[in-house]
Amino acid sequence: MSTLLGRRKAVVEHRTVDGGHPAPYPDMTDEQLYNYEMTFNVPKRTFDQPPVSAHHAREEPTWQAEFDANLESFDIASITAQAGRKRTMQRQPEVRPVEREASGTPLDLTKPVRTITTRHPVDIITTRARHPIYKVHGYIGDDDVVTVFTLDGRLSENSEVFLENVPEPLQLHLNIYPNRDPHQAQRYVLTQHDTREEADASATPGRIACVCVQLDA
């Protein structure tokens, strides 16, 4: 893991989408960069305190603040156990089901996935990693370094949803008729239908074609 973190810090090819700060992954916001640096105890951090967007979005302390800033090496197992012990000593707020900010539907990792902000495709390698939080590993776009995610598509437990399913193309069937109104410039009149069956059922005399078109999401 330490070798992987070293590779991430050595090559800066990406910047945050809202602040333009150097980031280890594409499509990250300043808030996600701050969470990442706190989570992995990055020595030279971009922010001394949470960025404005992250500060206003939080009303409760996040689990990243639980980490010991003086850890000499990254040991995710011991960090997770330590944070768990501290949380049990505190009164916890009501736990609510996770809701996806993007579409409101659960992330289906068996279907094509992309990033929400720039719509880069994500090649999922596994959804069964041994880590208790970051079960999902995958490549973003042309990256040659694996990015880890939670099962609901986040870069950290409390960050915004980062992944979404690629929407299926919208398909329409168009009935085409000649325009018999001499006062209009359009040569044809179109009616749109969800399926070919609906188009055929709705067709009226004079239809000259039925065309299927697909619209990108």
C-alpha atoms as a PDB file:
ATOM      1  CA  MET A   1       0.000   0.000   0.000  1.00  0.00           C
ATOM      2  CA  SER A   2       2.846   2.429   0.833  1.00  0.00           C
ATOM      3  CA  THR A   3       4.338   1.852  -2.645  1.00  0.00           C
ATOM      4  CA  LEU A   4       0.976   2.628  -4.262  1.00  0.00           C
ATOM      5  CA  LEU A   5       0.608   5.867  -2.259  1.00  0.00           C
ATOM      6  CA  GLY A   6       4.114   6.849  -3.296  1.00  0.00           C
ATOM      7  CA  ARG A   7       3.226   6.432  -6.963  1.00  0.00           C
ATOM      8  CA  ARG A   8       0.120   8.555  -6.519  1.00  0.00           C
ATOM      9  CA  LYS A   9       2.054  11.429  -4.954  1.00  0.00           C
ATOM     10  CA  ALA A  10       4.905  11.235  -7.478  1.00  0.00           C
ATOM     11  CA  VAL A  11       2.729  11.861 -10.533  1.00  0.00           C
ATOM     12  CA  VAL A  12       0.332  14.808 -10.543  1.00  0.00           C
ATOM     13  CA  GLU A  13      -1.794  14.553 -13.664  1.00  0.00           C
ATOM     14  CA  HIS A  14      -5.145  15.755 -12.348  1.00  0.00           C
ATOM     15  CA  ARG A  15      -6.654  18.811 -10.677  1.00  0.00           C
ATOM     16  CA  THR A  16      -9.801  19.354  -8.642  1.00  0.00           C
ATOM     17  CA  VAL A  17     -12.824  20.344 -10.679  1.00  0.00           C
ATOM     18  CA  ASP A  18     -13.821  23.293  -8.489  1.00  0.00           C
ATOM     19  CA  GLY A  19     -10.528  24.671  -7.131  1.00  0.00           C
ATOM     20  CA  GLY A  20      -7.907  23.554  -9.664  1.00  0.00           C
ATOM     21  CA  HIS A  21      -5.631  22.047  -7.000  1.00  0.00           C
ATOM     22  CA  PRO A  22      -3.319  19.102  -7.861  1.00  0.00           C
ATOM     23  CA  ALA A  23      -5.150  15.867  -7.113  1.00  0.00           C
ATOM     24  CA  PRO A  24      -4.265  12.146  -7.252  1.00  0.00           C
ATOM     25  CA  TYR A  25      -7.404  11.248  -9.209  1.00  0.00           C
ATOM     26  CA  PRO A  26      -9.526  12.914 -11.884  1.00  0.00           C
ATOM     27  CA  ASP A  27     -12.914  14.472 -11.135  1.00  0.00           C
ATOM     28  CA  MET A  28     -12.134  15.157  -7.459  1.00  0.00           C
ATOM     29  CA  THR A  29     -13.598  18.197  -5.728  1.00  0.00           C
ATOM     30  CA  ASP A  30     -11.716  20.267  -3.138  1.00  0.00           C
ATOM     31  CA  GLU A  31     -13.789  18.557  -0.453  1.00  0.00           C
ATOM     32  CA  GLN A  32     -12.867  15.085  -1.703  1.00  0.00           C
ATOM     33  CA  LEU A  33      -9.183  16.090  -1.901  1.00  0.00           C
ATOM     34  CA  TYR A  34      -9.309  17.324   1.698  1.00  0.00           C
ATOM     35  CA  ASN A  35     -10.956  14.044   2.826  1.00  0.00           C
ATOM     36  CA  TYR A  36      -8.353  12.024   0.927  1.00  0.00           C
ATOM     37  CA  GLU A  37      -5.398  13.875   2.464  1.00  0.00           C
ATOM     38  CA  MET A  38      -6.847  13.561   5.966  1.00  0.00           C
ATOM     39  CA  THR A  39      -7.660   9.862   5.459  1.00  0.00           C
ATOM     40  CA  PHE A  40      -4.196   8.888   4.204  1.00  0.00           C
ATOM     41  CA  ASN A  41      -2.322  11.357   6.458  1.00  0.00           C
ATOM     42  CA  VAL A  42      -0.604  13.122   3.537  1.00  0.00           C
ATOM     43  CA  PRO A  43       2.442  15.016   4.921  1.00  0.00           C
ATOM     44  CA  LYS A  44       2.088  18.149   2.743  1.00  0.00           C
ATOM     45  CA  ARG A  45      -1.629  18.896   2.625  1.00  0.00           C
ATOM     46  CA  THR A  46      -3.324  21.272   0.242  1.00  0.00           C
ATOM     47  CA  PHE A  47      -5.630  22.688   2.911  1.00  0.00           C
ATOM     48  CA  ASP A  48      -4.896  23.637   6.516  1.00  0.00           C
ATOM     49  CA  GLN A  49      -8.604  23.470   7.227  1.00  0.00           C
ATOM     50  CA  PRO A  50     -11.682  22.166   5.390  1.00  0.00           C
ATOM     51  CA  PRO A  51     -12.388  24.147   2.191  1.00  0.00           C
ATOM     52  CA  VAL A  52     -15.411  26.429   2.261  1.00  0.00           C
ATOM     53  CA  SER A  53     -17.633  24.022   0.360  1.00  0.00           C
ATOM     54  CA  ALA A  54     -16.723  21.161   2.655  1.00  0.00           C
ATOM     55  CA  HIS A  55     -17.057  23.319   5.793  1.00  0.00           C
ATOM     56  CA  HIS A  56     -20.580  24.443   4.937  1.00  0.00           C
ATOM     57  CA  ALA A  57     -21.673  20.958   3.924  1.00  0.00           C
ATOM     58  CA  ARG A  58     -20.724  19.445   7.294  1.00  0.00           C
ATOM     59  CA  GLU A  59     -22.674  19.853  10.483  1.00  0.00           C
ATOM     60  CA  GLU A  60     -21.171  16.862  12.255  1.00  0.00           C
ATOM     61  CA  PRO A  61     -17.519  15.742  12.591  1.00  0.00           C
ATOM     62  CA  THR A  62     -16.462  13.203   9.987  1.00  0.00           C
ATOM     63  CA  TRP A  63     -14.600  10.009  10.603  1.00  0.00           C
ATOM     64  CA  GLN A  64     -11.429  11.419   9.026  1.00  0.00           C
ATOM     65  CA  ALA A  65     -11.004  13.758  12.001  1.00  0.00           C
ATOM     66  CA  GLU A  66     -10.720  10.682  14.224  1.00  0.00           C
ATOM     67  CA  PHE A  67      -7.339   9.713  12.812  1.00  0.00           C
ATOM     68  CA  ASP A  68      -4.124  10.324  14.733  1.00  0.00           C
ATOM     69  CA  ALA A  69      -2.143  13.004  12.868  1.00  0.00           C
ATOM     70  CA  ASN A  70       1.147  11.621  14.215  1.00  0.00           C
ATOM     71  CA  LEU A  71       0.929   8.130  12.690  1.00  0.00           C
ATOM     72  CA  GLU A  72       4.304   7.219  11.243  1.00  0.00           C
ATOM     73  CA  SER A  73       3.001   4.692   8.720  1.00  0.00           C
ATOM     74  CA  PHE A  74      -0.329   3.912   7.087  1.00  0.00           C
ATOM     75  CA  ASP A  75      -2.015   0.904   8.690  1.00  0.00           C
ATOM     76  CA  ILE A  76      -5.649   0.874   7.608  1.00  0.00           C
ATOM     77  CA  ALA A  77      -6.596  -2.071   9.825  1.00  0.00           C
ATOM     78  CA  SER A  78      -5.380  -0.438  13.059  1.00  0.00           C
ATOM     79  CA  ILE A  79      -6.790   2.956  12.035  1.00  0.00           C
ATOM     80  CA  THR A  80     -10.204   1.464  11.383  1.00  0.00           C
ATOM     81  CA  ALA A  81     -10.153  -0.333  14.739  1.00  0.00           C
ATOM     82  CA  GLN A  82      -9.049   2.817  16.592  1.00  0.00           C
ATOM     83  CA  ALA A  83     -11.739   4.940  14.955  1.00  0.00           C
ATOM     84  CA  GLY A  84     -14.326   2.299  15.781  1.00  0.00           C
ATOM     85  CA  ARG A  85     -13.329   2.318  19.472  1.00  0.00           C
ATOM     86  CA  LYS A  86     -13.550   6.119  19.636  1.00  0.00           C
ATOM     87  CA  ARG A  87     -16.968   6.160  17.967  1.00  0.00           C
ATOM     88  CA  THR A  88     -18.359   3.666  20.489  1.00  0.00           C
ATOM     89  CA  MET A  89     -17.360   6.038  23.310  1.00  0.00           C
ATOM     90  CA  GLN A  90     -19.368   8.876  21.820  1.00  0.00           C
ATOM     91  CA  ARG A  91     -23.098   9.344  21.399  1.00  0.00           C
ATOM     92  CA  GLN A  92     -23.817   8.619  17.775  1.00  0.00           C
ATOM     93  CA  PRO A  93     -26.467  10.361  15.655  1.00  0.00           C
ATOM     94  CA  GLU A  94     -29.253   8.376  14.093  1.00  0.00           C
ATOM     95  CA  VAL A  95     -27.988   6.238  11.229  1.00  0.00           C
ATOM     96  CA  ARG A  96     -29.933   6.804   8.057  1.00  0.00           C
ATOM     97  CA  PRO A  97     -29.870   4.809   4.803  1.00  0.00           C
ATOM     98  CA  VAL A  98     -27.404   6.096   2.237  1.00  0.00           C
ATOM     99  CA  GLU A  99     -29.065   8.003  -0.588  1.00  0.00           C
ATOM    100  CA  ARG A 100     -27.412   8.593  -3.956  1.00  0.00           C
ATOM    101  CA  GLU A 101     -27.129  12.286  -4.802  1.00  0.00           C
ATOM    102  CA  ALA A 102     -26.938  11.742  -8.543  1.00  0.00           C
ATOM    103  CA  SER A 103     -29.958   9.730  -9.609  1.00  0.00           C
ATOM    104  CA  GLY A 104     -31.517   8.533  -6.356  1.00  0.00           C
ATOM    105  CA  THR A 105     -31.159   4.887  -7.416  1.00  0.00           C
ATOM    106  CA  PRO A 106     -28.724   2.299  -5.986  1.00  0.00           C
ATOM    107  CA  LEU A 107     -25.433   1.866  -7.803  1.00  0.00           C
ATOM    108  CA  ASP A 108     -25.430  -1.410  -9.764  1.00  0.00           C
ATOM    109  CA  LEU A 109     -21.798  -2.472 -10.144  1.00  0.00           C
ATOM    110  CA  THR A 110     -22.752  -5.283 -12.528  1.00  0.00           C
ATOM    111  CA  LYS A 111     -23.588  -2.644 -15.146  1.00  0.00           C
ATOM    112  CA  PRO A 112     -21.339  -0.027 -16.837  1.00  0.00           C
ATOM    113  CA  VAL A 113     -20.169   2.688 -14.427  1.00  0.00           C
ATOM    114  CA  ARG A 114     -18.800   6.216 -14.950  1.00  0.00           C
ATOM    115  CA  THR A 115     -17.745   9.223 -12.866  1.00  0.00           C
ATOM    116  CA  ILE A 116     -20.526  11.701 -12.172  1.00  0.00           C
ATOM    117  CA  THR A 117     -18.638  14.956 -12.799  1.00  0.00           C
ATOM    118  CA  THR A 118     -16.826  14.299 -16.090  1.00  0.00           C
ATOM    119  CA  ARG A 119     -18.439  10.991 -17.098  1.00  0.00           C
ATOM    120  CA  HIS A 120     -15.167   9.103 -17.470  1.00  0.00           C
ATOM    121  CA  PRO A 121     -15.789   5.353 -17.784  1.00  0.00           C
ATOM    122  CA  VAL A 122     -14.660   3.240 -14.836  1.00  0.00           C
ATOM    123  CA  ASP A 123     -13.405  -0.304 -15.365  1.00  0.00           C
ATOM    124  CA  ILE A 124     -14.383  -2.216 -12.233  1.00  0.00           C
ATOM    125  CA  ILE A 125     -11.823  -4.889 -11.295  1.00  0.00           C
ATOM    126  CA  THR A 126     -13.424  -6.261  -8.147  1.00  0.00           C
ATOM    127  CA  THR A 127     -16.232  -5.507  -5.721  1.00  0.00           C
ATOM    128  CA  ARG A 128     -15.006  -8.018  -3.142  1.00  0.00           C
ATOM    129  CA  ALA A 129     -11.756  -6.516  -1.876  1.00  0.00           C
ATOM    130  CA  ARG A 130     -10.794  -7.525   1.666  1.00  0.00           C
ATOM    131  CA  HIS A 131     -10.799  -4.013   3.046  1.00  0.00           C
ATOM    132  CA  PRO A 132     -13.829  -3.403   5.327  1.00  0.00           C
ATOM    133  CA  ILE A 133     -14.719  -0.097   3.614  1.00  0.00           C
ATOM    134  CA  TYR A 134     -13.107   0.063   0.168  1.00  0.00           C
ATOM    135  CA  LYS A 135     -14.548  -3.061  -1.421  1.00  0.00           C
ATOM    136  CA  VAL A 136     -14.526  -1.716  -4.983  1.00  0.00           C
ATOM    137  CA  HIS A 137     -11.336  -1.360  -7.037  1.00  0.00           C
ATOM    138  CA  GLY A 138     -11.276   0.016 -10.562  1.00  0.00           C
ATOM    139  CA  TYR A 139      -9.511   2.092 -13.205  1.00  0.00           C
ATOM    140  CA  ILE A 140     -10.820   5.560 -14.082  1.00  0.00           C
ATOM    141  CA  GLY A 141     -10.521   6.264 -17.789  1.00  0.00           C
ATOM    142  CA  ASP A 142      -6.955   5.570 -18.987  1.00  0.00           C
ATOM    143  CA  ASP A 143      -5.394   5.585 -15.506  1.00  0.00           C
ATOM    144  CA  ASP A 144      -2.850   2.855 -14.810  1.00  0.00           C
ATOM    145  CA  VAL A 145      -3.252   3.176 -11.019  1.00  0.00           C
ATOM    146  CA  VAL A 146      -6.218   1.560  -9.307  1.00  0.00           C
ATOM    147  CA  THR A 147      -8.701   3.774  -7.468  1.00  0.00           C
ATOM    148  CA  VAL A 148     -10.642   2.383  -4.511  1.00  0.00           C
ATOM    149  CA  PHE A 149     -14.300   3.110  -3.735  1.00  0.00           C
ATOM    150  CA  THR A 150     -16.993   2.197  -1.274  1.00  0.00           C
ATOM    151  CA  LEU A 151     -19.786  -0.082  -2.432  1.00  0.00           C
ATOM    152  CA  ASP A 152     -22.057   2.907  -3.002  1.00  0.00           C
ATOM    153  CA  GLY A 153     -19.489   4.656  -5.199  1.00  0.00           C
ATOM    154  CA  ARG A 154     -17.721   7.080  -2.829  1.00  0.00           C
ATOM    155  CA  LEU A 155     -14.029   7.929  -2.411  1.00  0.00           C
ATOM    156  CA  SER A 156     -14.470   7.965   1.366  1.00  0.00           C
ATOM    157  CA  GLU A 157     -17.237   7.124   3.817  1.00  0.00           C
ATOM    158  CA  ASN A 158     -18.546  10.680   4.103  1.00  0.00           C
ATOM    159  CA  SER A 159     -17.722  12.170   0.710  1.00  0.00           C
ATOM    160  CA  GLU A 160     -20.264  12.748  -2.030  1.00  0.00           C
ATOM    161  CA  VAL A 161     -21.198   9.950  -4.402  1.00  0.00           C
ATOM    162  CA  PHE A 162     -18.524   9.740  -7.098  1.00  0.00           C
ATOM    163  CA  LEU A 163     -19.850   6.989  -9.408  1.00  0.00           C
ATOM    164  CA  GLU A 164     -23.080   6.373 -11.269  1.00  0.00           C
ATOM    165  CA  ASN A 165     -24.394   3.832 -13.725  1.00  0.00           C
ATOM    166  CA  VAL A 166     -24.138   4.764 -17.384  1.00  0.00           C
ATOM    167  CA  PRO A 167     -27.708   5.544 -18.501  1.00  0.00           C
ATOM    168  CA  GLU A 168     -29.095   3.397 -21.257  1.00  0.00           C
ATOM    169  CA  PRO A 169     -29.540   5.257 -24.561  1.00  0.00           C
ATOM    170  CA  LEU A 170     -32.963   6.809 -25.062  1.00  0.00           C
ATOM    171  CA  GLN A 171     -34.681   5.231 -28.060  1.00  0.00           C
ATOM    172  CA  LEU A 172     -37.547   6.801 -29.962  1.00  0.00           C
ATOM    173  CA  HIS A 173     -39.584   5.763 -32.986  1.00  0.00           C
ATOM    174  CA  LEU A 174     -40.667   8.558 -35.311  1.00  0.00           C
ATOM    175  CA  ASN A 175     -43.624   8.377 -37.655  1.00  0.00           C
ATOM    176  CA  ILE A 176     -43.008  10.642 -40.642  1.00  0.00           C
ATOM    177  CA  TYR A 177     -45.795  12.196 -42.694  1.00  0.00           C
ATOM    178  CA  PRO A 178     -45.737  14.699 -45.560  1.00  0.00           C
ATOM    179  CA  ASN A 179     -46.797  18.169 -44.475  1.00  0.00           C
ATOM    180  CA  ARG A 180     -49.852  19.051 -46.532  1.00  0.00           C
ATOM    181  CA  ASP A 181     -50.159  22.572 -45.154  1.00  0.00           C
ATOM    182  CA  PRO A 182     -48.887  24.876 -47.926  1.00  0.00           C
ATOM    183  CA  HIS A 183     -48.450  27.760 -45.456  1.00  0.00           C
ATOM    184  CA  GLN A 184     -45.743  25.942 -43.448  1.00  0.00           C
ATOM    185  CA  ALA A 185     -42.102  25.683 -44.466  1.00  0.00           C
ATOM    186  CA  GLN A 186     -41.559  22.205 -43.000  1.00  0.00           C
ATOM    187  CA  ARG A 187     -41.856  19.448 -45.559  1.00  0.00           C
ATOM    188  CA  TYR A 188     -42.644  16.741 -43.006  1.00  0.00           C
ATOM    189  CA  VAL A 189     -44.613  16.235 -39.800  1.00  0.00           C
ATOM    190  CA  LEU A 190     -43.158  13.954 -37.115  1.00  0.00           C
ATOM    191  CA  THR A 191     -44.760  12.121 -34.205  1.00  0.00           C
ATOM    192  CA  GLN A 192     -42.624  10.337 -31.601  1.00  0.00           C
ATOM    193  CA  HIS A 193     -43.317   7.051 -29.810  1.00  0.00           C
ATOM    194  CA  ASP A 194     -41.480   4.931 -27.242  1.00  0.00           C
ATOM    195  CA  THR A 195     -41.685   1.633 -29.169  1.00  0.00           C
ATOM    196  CA  ARG A 196     -42.193   0.453 -32.725  1.00  0.00           C
ATOM    197  CA  GLU A 197     -45.425  -1.200 -31.653  1.00  0.00           C
ATOM    198  CA  GLU A 198     -46.783   2.111 -30.351  1.00  0.00           C
ATOM    199  CA  ALA A 199     -45.668   3.865 -33.528  1.00  0.00           C
ATOM    200  CA  ASP A 200     -47.456   1.323 -35.719  1.00  0.00           C
ATOM    201  CA  ALA A 201     -50.592   1.424 -33.581  1.00  0.00           C
ATOM    202  CA  SER A 202     -50.702   5.233 -33.756  1.00  0.00           C
ATOM    203  CA  ALA A 203     -49.942   5.484 -37.466  1.00  0.00           C
ATOM    204  CA  THR A 204     -52.473   7.217 -39.659  1.00  0.00           C
ATOM    205  CA  PRO A 205     -52.921   7.020 -43.438  1.00  0.00           C
ATOM    206  CA  GLY A 206     -50.181   8.844 -45.286  1.00  0.00           C
ATOM    207  CA  ARG A 207     -47.244   7.728 -43.155  1.00  0.00           C
ATOM    208  CA  ILE A 208     -44.220   7.518 -45.417  1.00  0.00           C
ATOM    209  CA  ALA A 209     -41.678   6.090 -42.924  1.00  0.00           C
ATOM    210  CA  CYS A 210     -41.074   4.954 -39.354  1.00  0.00           C
ATOM    211  CA  VAL A 211     -37.523   5.716 -38.146  1.00  0.00           C
ATOM    212  CA  CYS A 212     -35.817   4.534 -34.959  1.00  0.00           C
ATOM    213  CA  VAL A 213     -33.395   7.043 -33.395  1.00  0.00           C
ATOM    214  CA  GLN A 214     -31.154   6.746 -30.330  1.00  0.00           C
ATOM    215  CA  LEU A 215     -30.238   9.732 -28.160  1.00  0.00           C
ATOM    216  CA  ASP A 216     -27.151   9.761 -25.965  1.00  0.00           C
ATOM    217  CA  ALA A 217     -27.781  10.276 -22.262  1.00  0.00           C
END
